[in-house]
N, C-alpha and C. Protein backbone atom coordinates (compact mmCIF):
# COMPACT_ATOMS: atom_id res chain seq x y z
N UNK A 1 -20.15 21.61 -41.82
CA UNK A 1 -19.85 22.28 -40.65
C UNK A 1 -20.76 21.60 -39.44
N UNK A 2 -20.33 20.74 -38.34
CA UNK A 2 -21.30 19.95 -37.52
C UNK A 2 -20.96 21.25 -36.05
N UNK A 3 -21.82 20.91 -35.10
CA UNK A 3 -21.55 22.15 -33.78
C UNK A 3 -20.06 21.68 -32.95
N UNK A 4 -19.46 22.65 -32.61
CA UNK A 4 -18.24 22.61 -31.65
C UNK A 4 -18.20 22.99 -30.64
N UNK A 5 -17.06 22.84 -29.60
CA UNK A 5 -17.22 23.45 -28.29
C UNK A 5 -16.25 24.67 -28.64
N UNK A 6 -17.00 25.54 -27.83
CA UNK A 6 -15.83 26.85 -27.37
C UNK A 6 -15.15 26.81 -26.55
N UNK A 7 -14.12 27.97 -25.93
CA UNK A 7 -13.11 27.85 -25.07
C UNK A 7 -13.62 26.82 -23.86
N UNK A 8 -15.25 27.37 -23.68
CA UNK A 8 -15.90 26.81 -22.10
C UNK A 8 -16.39 25.45 -22.40
N UNK A 9 -16.13 24.89 -23.25
CA UNK A 9 -16.61 23.59 -23.26
C UNK A 9 -18.39 23.48 -24.10
N UNK A 10 -18.80 24.44 -23.76
CA UNK A 10 -20.01 24.73 -24.18
C UNK A 10 -20.17 24.47 -25.53
N UNK A 11 -21.55 23.60 -26.17
CA UNK A 11 -21.66 24.02 -27.49
C UNK A 11 -21.92 24.73 -28.52
N UNK A 12 -21.33 25.17 -29.73
CA UNK A 12 -21.64 26.24 -30.34
C UNK A 12 -22.33 25.90 -31.57
N UNK A 13 -23.66 26.87 -31.61
CA UNK A 13 -24.41 26.68 -32.97
C UNK A 13 -23.54 27.07 -34.49
N UNK A 14 -23.39 25.91 -35.31
CA UNK A 14 -23.30 26.62 -36.93
C UNK A 14 -23.73 27.85 -36.76
N UNK A 15 -22.82 28.89 -37.33
CA UNK A 15 -23.47 30.23 -38.47
C UNK A 15 -24.11 29.47 -39.26
N UNK A 16 -23.39 28.98 -40.30
CA UNK A 16 -24.23 28.54 -41.42
C UNK A 16 -25.96 28.37 -41.87
N UNK A 17 -25.72 27.40 -40.26
CA UNK A 17 -27.24 26.88 -40.15
C UNK A 17 -27.96 27.57 -39.20
N UNK A 18 -28.02 28.98 -39.31
CA UNK A 18 -28.62 29.44 -38.08
C UNK A 18 -30.02 29.84 -38.49
N UNK A 19 -30.70 29.74 -39.22
CA UNK A 19 -32.12 29.55 -39.51
C UNK A 19 -32.97 28.89 -39.21
N UNK A 20 -33.69 29.08 -38.55
CA UNK A 20 -34.95 27.46 -37.41
C UNK A 20 -36.22 28.08 -37.90
N UNK A 21 -36.96 27.82 -38.77
CA UNK A 21 -38.57 28.16 -39.00
C UNK A 21 -39.35 28.46 -38.14
N UNK A 22 -39.19 27.26 -37.48
CA UNK A 22 -40.15 26.95 -35.98
C UNK A 22 -40.17 28.27 -34.99
N UNK A 23 -38.61 28.79 -34.67
CA UNK A 23 -38.47 29.80 -34.02
C UNK A 23 -37.89 31.35 -34.52
N UNK A 24 -38.27 31.20 -35.99
CA UNK A 24 -37.69 32.65 -36.65
C UNK A 24 -38.85 33.86 -36.58
N UNK A 25 -37.97 34.76 -36.17
CA UNK A 25 -38.69 36.18 -36.23
C UNK A 25 -38.71 36.57 -37.36
N UNK A 26 -39.85 37.66 -37.30
CA UNK A 26 -39.82 38.62 -38.44
C UNK A 26 -38.56 39.19 -39.14
N UNK A 27 -37.49 39.55 -38.36
CA UNK A 27 -36.00 39.74 -38.51
C UNK A 27 -35.41 38.77 -38.78
N UNK A 28 -35.64 37.42 -38.45
CA UNK A 28 -34.70 36.02 -39.27
C UNK A 28 -35.35 35.55 -40.75
N UNK A 29 -36.67 36.39 -40.88
CA UNK A 29 -36.95 35.98 -42.42
C UNK A 29 -36.86 37.11 -43.04
N UNK A 30 -36.66 38.40 -42.64
CA UNK A 30 -35.85 39.14 -43.49
C UNK A 30 -34.64 39.12 -43.87
N UNK A 31 -34.02 38.68 -42.98
CA UNK A 31 -32.39 38.48 -43.26
C UNK A 31 -32.06 37.09 -44.23
N UNK A 32 -32.85 35.90 -43.82
CA UNK A 32 -32.44 34.95 -44.45
C UNK A 32 -33.20 35.01 -46.17
N UNK A 33 -34.45 36.14 -46.46
CA UNK A 33 -34.82 36.27 -47.97
C UNK A 33 -33.98 36.97 -48.64
N UNK A 34 -33.25 37.55 -47.29
CA UNK A 34 -32.08 38.79 -47.95
C UNK A 34 -31.30 38.27 -48.88
N UNK A 35 -30.71 37.52 -47.61
CA UNK A 35 -29.41 36.48 -48.08
C UNK A 35 -29.33 35.48 -49.27
N UNK A 36 -30.67 35.01 -49.26
CA UNK A 36 -30.85 33.93 -50.61
C UNK A 36 -31.47 34.66 -51.60
N UNK A 37 -31.90 36.07 -51.72
CA UNK A 37 -31.66 36.73 -53.03
C UNK A 37 -30.54 37.45 -53.05
N UNK A 38 -29.20 37.17 -52.41
CA UNK A 38 -28.24 37.54 -52.52
C UNK A 38 -27.85 38.99 -52.48
N UNK A 39 -28.29 39.28 -51.71
CA UNK A 39 -27.72 41.14 -51.47
C UNK A 39 -27.76 41.35 -50.39
N UNK A 40 -26.79 42.51 -50.37
CA UNK A 40 -26.12 43.07 -49.04
C UNK A 40 -27.33 43.84 -48.05
N UNK A 41 -27.23 44.27 -47.28
CA UNK A 41 -27.73 44.93 -45.98
C UNK A 41 -27.81 46.08 -46.86
N UNK A 42 -26.44 46.84 -47.40
CA UNK A 42 -26.86 48.31 -48.45
C UNK A 42 -27.27 48.11 -49.42
N UNK A 43 -27.24 46.65 -50.16
CA UNK A 43 -27.75 46.78 -51.38
C UNK A 43 -29.35 46.98 -51.35
N UNK A 44 -29.91 46.03 -50.24
CA UNK A 44 -31.56 46.06 -49.99
C UNK A 44 -32.27 47.66 -49.52
N UNK A 45 -31.15 48.18 -48.39
CA UNK A 45 -31.45 49.01 -48.07
C UNK A 45 -31.98 50.12 -49.11
N UNK A 46 -30.85 50.47 -49.95
CA UNK A 46 -30.77 50.89 -51.13
C UNK A 46 -32.37 51.19 -51.94
N UNK A 47 -32.44 49.92 -52.31
CA UNK A 47 -33.50 49.44 -53.23
C UNK A 47 -34.76 50.16 -52.58
N UNK A 48 -34.61 49.83 -51.29
CA UNK A 48 -36.57 50.12 -50.70
C UNK A 48 -35.73 51.64 -50.31
N UNK A 49 -34.87 52.32 -50.32
CA UNK A 49 -34.88 53.93 -50.23
C UNK A 49 -34.93 54.15 -48.75
N UNK A 50 -34.53 53.12 -47.88
CA UNK A 50 -34.49 53.68 -46.42
C UNK A 50 -32.38 53.66 -46.11
N UNK A 51 -32.24 53.89 -44.92
CA UNK A 51 -30.78 53.86 -44.67
C UNK A 51 -30.62 52.26 -44.06
N UNK A 52 -29.40 52.09 -44.24
CA UNK A 52 -29.20 50.78 -43.97
C UNK A 52 -29.14 50.63 -42.33
N UNK A 53 -28.85 51.50 -41.64
CA UNK A 53 -29.24 51.13 -40.30
C UNK A 53 -30.83 50.93 -39.77
N UNK A 54 -31.61 51.43 -40.31
CA UNK A 54 -32.94 50.92 -40.55
C UNK A 54 -33.34 49.78 -40.83
N UNK A 55 -32.46 49.41 -42.17
CA UNK A 55 -33.09 47.75 -42.40
C UNK A 55 -32.50 47.02 -41.21
N UNK A 56 -31.40 47.26 -40.51
CA UNK A 56 -30.56 46.69 -39.55
C UNK A 56 -31.41 46.38 -38.59
N UNK A 57 -32.30 47.62 -38.18
CA UNK A 57 -32.95 47.64 -36.84
C UNK A 57 -34.19 46.43 -37.34
N UNK A 58 -34.74 46.88 -38.30
CA UNK A 58 -35.48 45.55 -38.60
C UNK A 58 -35.20 44.20 -38.67
N UNK A 59 -34.09 43.44 -39.40
CA UNK A 59 -33.44 42.55 -39.12
C UNK A 59 -32.91 42.15 -37.65
N UNK A 60 -33.07 43.08 -36.85
CA UNK A 60 -32.41 42.76 -35.38
C UNK A 60 -33.93 42.88 -34.82
N UNK A 61 -34.56 42.72 -35.35
CA UNK A 61 -36.18 43.02 -34.67
C UNK A 61 -36.47 44.22 -33.39
N UNK A 62 -35.67 45.42 -33.84
CA UNK A 62 -35.74 46.40 -32.81
C UNK A 62 -36.93 47.66 -33.50
N UNK A 63 -37.27 47.08 -34.81
CA UNK A 63 -38.39 48.20 -35.25
C UNK A 63 -38.63 47.36 -36.49
N UNK A 64 -39.82 47.85 -37.06
CA UNK A 64 -41.01 47.07 -38.30
C UNK A 64 -40.85 48.19 -38.99
N UNK A 65 -40.94 47.51 -40.50
CA UNK A 65 -41.26 48.76 -41.43
C UNK A 65 -43.09 48.50 -41.37
N UNK A 66 -42.92 49.86 -42.31
CA UNK A 66 -44.43 50.29 -42.58
C UNK A 66 -44.79 49.49 -43.68
N UNK A 67 -46.14 49.71 -43.72
CA UNK A 67 -47.03 48.80 -44.71
C UNK A 67 -46.12 48.73 -46.23
N UNK A 68 -46.08 49.77 -46.53
CA UNK A 68 -45.80 50.40 -47.88
C UNK A 68 -44.63 49.64 -48.09
N UNK A 69 -43.66 49.74 -47.15
CA UNK A 69 -42.19 49.19 -47.14
C UNK A 69 -42.35 47.75 -47.43
N UNK A 70 -43.19 46.89 -46.49
CA UNK A 70 -43.31 46.23 -46.29
C UNK A 70 -44.07 45.40 -47.57
N UNK A 71 -44.73 45.81 -48.68
CA UNK A 71 -44.73 45.52 -49.88
C UNK A 71 -43.72 45.32 -50.62
N UNK A 72 -42.71 46.23 -50.19
CA UNK A 72 -41.84 46.35 -51.49
C UNK A 72 -40.46 45.22 -51.10
N UNK A 73 -40.75 45.03 -49.95
CA UNK A 73 -39.85 44.29 -49.05
C UNK A 73 -40.22 42.97 -49.77
N UNK A 74 -41.71 42.47 -49.70
CA UNK A 74 -41.54 41.16 -50.29
C UNK A 74 -41.59 41.00 -51.89
N UNK A 75 -41.85 42.09 -52.42
CA UNK A 75 -41.62 41.85 -54.22
C UNK A 75 -40.00 41.97 -54.18
N UNK A 76 -39.39 42.44 -53.52
CA UNK A 76 -37.62 42.38 -53.95
C UNK A 76 -37.20 41.43 -53.88
N UNK A 77 -37.73 41.32 -52.69
CA UNK A 77 -36.98 39.23 -52.18
C UNK A 77 -37.85 38.32 -52.98
N UNK A 78 -38.75 38.56 -53.26
CA UNK A 78 -39.96 37.00 -54.24
C UNK A 78 -40.17 36.29 -53.30
N UNK A 79 -40.99 36.73 -51.72
CA UNK A 79 -41.23 35.89 -51.21
C UNK A 79 -42.69 36.55 -50.58
N UNK A 80 -43.27 35.60 -50.27
CA UNK A 80 -44.81 35.86 -49.91
C UNK A 80 -45.11 37.21 -48.34
N UNK A 81 -45.91 38.10 -48.54
CA UNK A 81 -46.08 38.89 -47.33
C UNK A 81 -46.33 38.04 -46.31
N UNK A 82 -46.81 36.95 -46.46
CA UNK A 82 -47.72 36.14 -45.09
C UNK A 82 -46.36 35.84 -44.81
N UNK A 83 -45.77 34.99 -45.94
CA UNK A 83 -44.60 34.50 -45.22
C UNK A 83 -43.85 35.38 -44.29
N UNK A 84 -43.56 36.35 -44.65
CA UNK A 84 -42.49 37.16 -43.93
C UNK A 84 -43.06 37.98 -42.65
N UNK A 85 -44.69 37.87 -42.70
CA UNK A 85 -45.05 38.31 -41.52
C UNK A 85 -44.84 37.42 -40.55
N UNK A 86 -45.57 35.88 -40.95
CA UNK A 86 -46.04 35.16 -39.95
C UNK A 86 -45.06 33.70 -39.95
N UNK A 87 -44.18 33.61 -41.20
CA UNK A 87 -43.78 32.41 -41.00
C UNK A 87 -44.38 31.34 -41.92
N UNK A 88 -45.40 31.50 -42.18
CA UNK A 88 -46.64 30.34 -42.47
C UNK A 88 -46.38 30.51 -43.99
N UNK A 89 -46.97 29.27 -44.72
CA UNK A 89 -46.93 29.16 -46.42
C UNK A 89 -45.25 29.01 -46.86
N UNK A 90 -45.83 29.24 -47.92
CA UNK A 90 -44.05 28.84 -48.66
C UNK A 90 -43.18 30.26 -48.90
N UNK A 91 -42.22 30.33 -48.56
CA UNK A 91 -41.45 31.31 -48.50
C UNK A 91 -41.40 32.24 -49.69
N UNK A 92 -41.49 30.90 -50.94
CA UNK A 92 -41.74 32.54 -52.23
C UNK A 92 -42.79 31.59 -52.85
N UNK A 93 -43.59 32.43 -53.28
CA UNK A 93 -44.51 32.92 -53.99
C UNK A 93 -44.62 33.70 -55.23
N UNK A 94 -44.23 32.83 -56.02
CA UNK A 94 -43.66 33.56 -57.52
C UNK A 94 -45.07 34.56 -57.87
N UNK A 95 -46.61 33.85 -57.60
CA UNK A 95 -47.36 34.80 -58.11
C UNK A 95 -47.52 35.67 -57.56
N UNK A 96 -47.27 35.57 -56.31
CA UNK A 96 -47.84 37.06 -55.45
C UNK A 96 -46.64 37.57 -55.47
N UNK A 97 -45.20 37.65 -55.33
CA UNK A 97 -44.24 38.49 -55.44
C UNK A 97 -44.21 39.14 -56.76
N UNK A 98 -44.79 38.38 -57.82
CA UNK A 98 -44.38 38.95 -59.06
C UNK A 98 -45.63 40.21 -58.83
N UNK A 99 -46.76 40.36 -58.37
CA UNK A 99 -47.82 41.37 -58.28
C UNK A 99 -47.30 42.22 -57.39
N UNK A 100 -46.69 41.58 -55.77
CA UNK A 100 -45.95 42.70 -54.97
C UNK A 100 -44.98 43.61 -55.75
N UNK A 101 -43.73 42.75 -56.62
CA UNK A 101 -43.01 43.87 -57.13
C UNK A 101 -43.82 44.94 -57.93
N UNK A 102 -44.41 44.36 -59.04
CA UNK A 102 -45.26 45.53 -59.94
C UNK A 102 -45.78 46.25 -58.88
N UNK A 103 -46.85 45.92 -57.75
CA UNK A 103 -47.17 47.58 -56.79
C UNK A 103 -46.36 48.30 -56.04
N UNK A 104 -45.19 47.24 -55.74
CA UNK A 104 -43.97 48.55 -55.09
C UNK A 104 -42.86 49.12 -56.31
N UNK A 105 -43.10 48.67 -57.62
CA UNK A 105 -42.64 49.73 -58.53
C UNK A 105 -43.55 50.84 -59.05
N UNK A 106 -45.00 50.53 -58.67
CA UNK A 106 -46.23 51.45 -58.89
C UNK A 106 -46.14 52.80 -57.84
N UNK A 107 -45.93 51.75 -56.63
CA UNK A 107 -46.15 53.10 -55.26
C UNK A 107 -44.60 53.80 -55.53
N UNK A 108 -43.38 53.03 -55.80
CA UNK A 108 -42.39 53.94 -56.44
C UNK A 108 -42.31 54.92 -57.05
N UNK A 109 -42.99 54.67 -58.28
CA UNK A 109 -43.40 56.09 -59.19
C UNK A 109 -44.39 57.02 -58.81
N UNK A 110 -45.47 56.58 -57.89
CA UNK A 110 -46.58 57.57 -57.44
C UNK A 110 -45.76 58.27 -56.77
N UNK A 111 -44.50 57.52 -55.85
CA UNK A 111 -44.05 58.42 -54.99
C UNK A 111 -43.32 59.77 -55.80
N UNK A 112 -42.11 59.47 -56.77
CA UNK A 112 -41.54 59.73 -56.98
C UNK A 112 -42.24 61.37 -58.36
N UNK A 113 -43.62 60.92 -58.94
CA UNK A 113 -44.25 61.67 -59.14
C UNK A 113 -45.18 62.84 -58.23
N UNK A 114 -45.35 62.52 -57.25
CA UNK A 114 -46.18 63.44 -55.93
C UNK A 114 -44.27 64.11 -56.04
N UNK A 115 -43.23 63.78 -55.90
CA UNK A 115 -41.88 64.89 -55.06
C UNK A 115 -41.48 65.86 -56.38
N UNK A 116 -42.26 65.03 -58.05
CA UNK A 116 -41.58 65.88 -59.21
C UNK A 116 -42.96 66.91 -59.41
N UNK A 117 -44.01 67.01 -59.01
CA UNK A 117 -44.93 68.33 -58.71
C UNK A 117 -44.55 68.83 -57.67
N UNK A 118 -44.16 68.50 -56.30
CA UNK A 118 -43.85 69.33 -55.41
C UNK A 118 -42.60 70.43 -55.82
N UNK A 119 -41.87 69.70 -56.68
CA UNK A 119 -40.54 70.04 -56.84
C UNK A 119 -41.32 71.34 -57.89
N UNK A 120 -41.43 70.90 -58.71
CA UNK A 120 -42.12 71.90 -59.98
C UNK A 120 -42.78 73.01 -59.07
N UNK A 121 -43.41 72.79 -58.02
CA UNK A 121 -44.34 74.23 -57.32
C UNK A 121 -43.60 75.05 -56.98
N UNK A 122 -42.64 74.42 -56.15
CA UNK A 122 -41.34 75.08 -55.56
C UNK A 122 -40.52 76.02 -56.38
N UNK A 123 -40.13 75.44 -57.98
CA UNK A 123 -39.74 76.15 -58.75
C UNK A 123 -40.49 77.29 -59.06
N UNK A 124 -42.16 77.33 -59.75
CA UNK A 124 -42.83 78.14 -60.16
C UNK A 124 -42.36 79.28 -58.96
N UNK A 125 -42.84 79.06 -57.52
CA UNK A 125 -42.70 80.22 -56.80
C UNK A 125 -41.67 81.01 -56.52
N UNK A 126 -40.43 80.20 -56.58
CA UNK A 126 -38.70 80.40 -56.79
C UNK A 126 -38.83 81.88 -58.18
N UNK A 127 -39.32 81.25 -59.11
CA UNK A 127 -39.33 82.20 -60.62
C UNK A 127 -40.46 82.88 -60.42
N UNK A 128 -41.46 83.53 -60.07
CA UNK A 128 -42.31 84.03 -59.67
C UNK A 128 -41.93 85.53 -58.70
N UNK A 129 -40.80 85.07 -57.61
CA UNK A 129 -40.36 85.52 -56.69
C UNK A 129 -39.04 86.50 -57.62
N UNK A 130 -38.39 85.65 -57.96
CA UNK A 130 -37.47 86.11 -58.80
C UNK A 130 -37.62 87.74 -59.84
N UNK A 131 -39.01 87.06 -60.62
CA UNK A 131 -39.55 88.40 -61.31
C UNK A 131 -39.98 89.22 -60.53
N UNK A 132 -40.68 89.37 -59.51
CA UNK A 132 -40.93 90.27 -58.63
C UNK A 132 -39.99 91.28 -58.38
N UNK A 133 -38.94 91.01 -57.83
CA UNK A 133 -37.27 90.95 -57.66
C UNK A 133 -36.71 92.12 -58.43
N UNK A 134 -36.83 91.56 -60.30
CA UNK A 134 -36.16 92.07 -60.98
C UNK A 134 -36.99 93.46 -61.37
């Protein structure tokens, strides 16, 4: 598909070739990597444990993810963290993305484990209160 003229007579960019590495922002690279991975915004947001509006704000360069989420994004999308942040280097780094994916999984396991411990403590407190009342 080639560039076309819109109703004003000005040239319009082809929407299929919107990604230009030389001027790409973090949000552009995130969007390109997500699309290359075949994920929708909702799918990636769910895998990252964030709301879709949060992911959209990252892709629109309105906000940036924290370091732990960046690591997860890198691993889930199979791109190097360096490329995602700066655009430098290869867009896909198999060795680093595998390590990042493993790190992201370990991070998620730790989060779940901490949540489980907190829930267990809360449960014990509630059981104790119930026994005192009975």
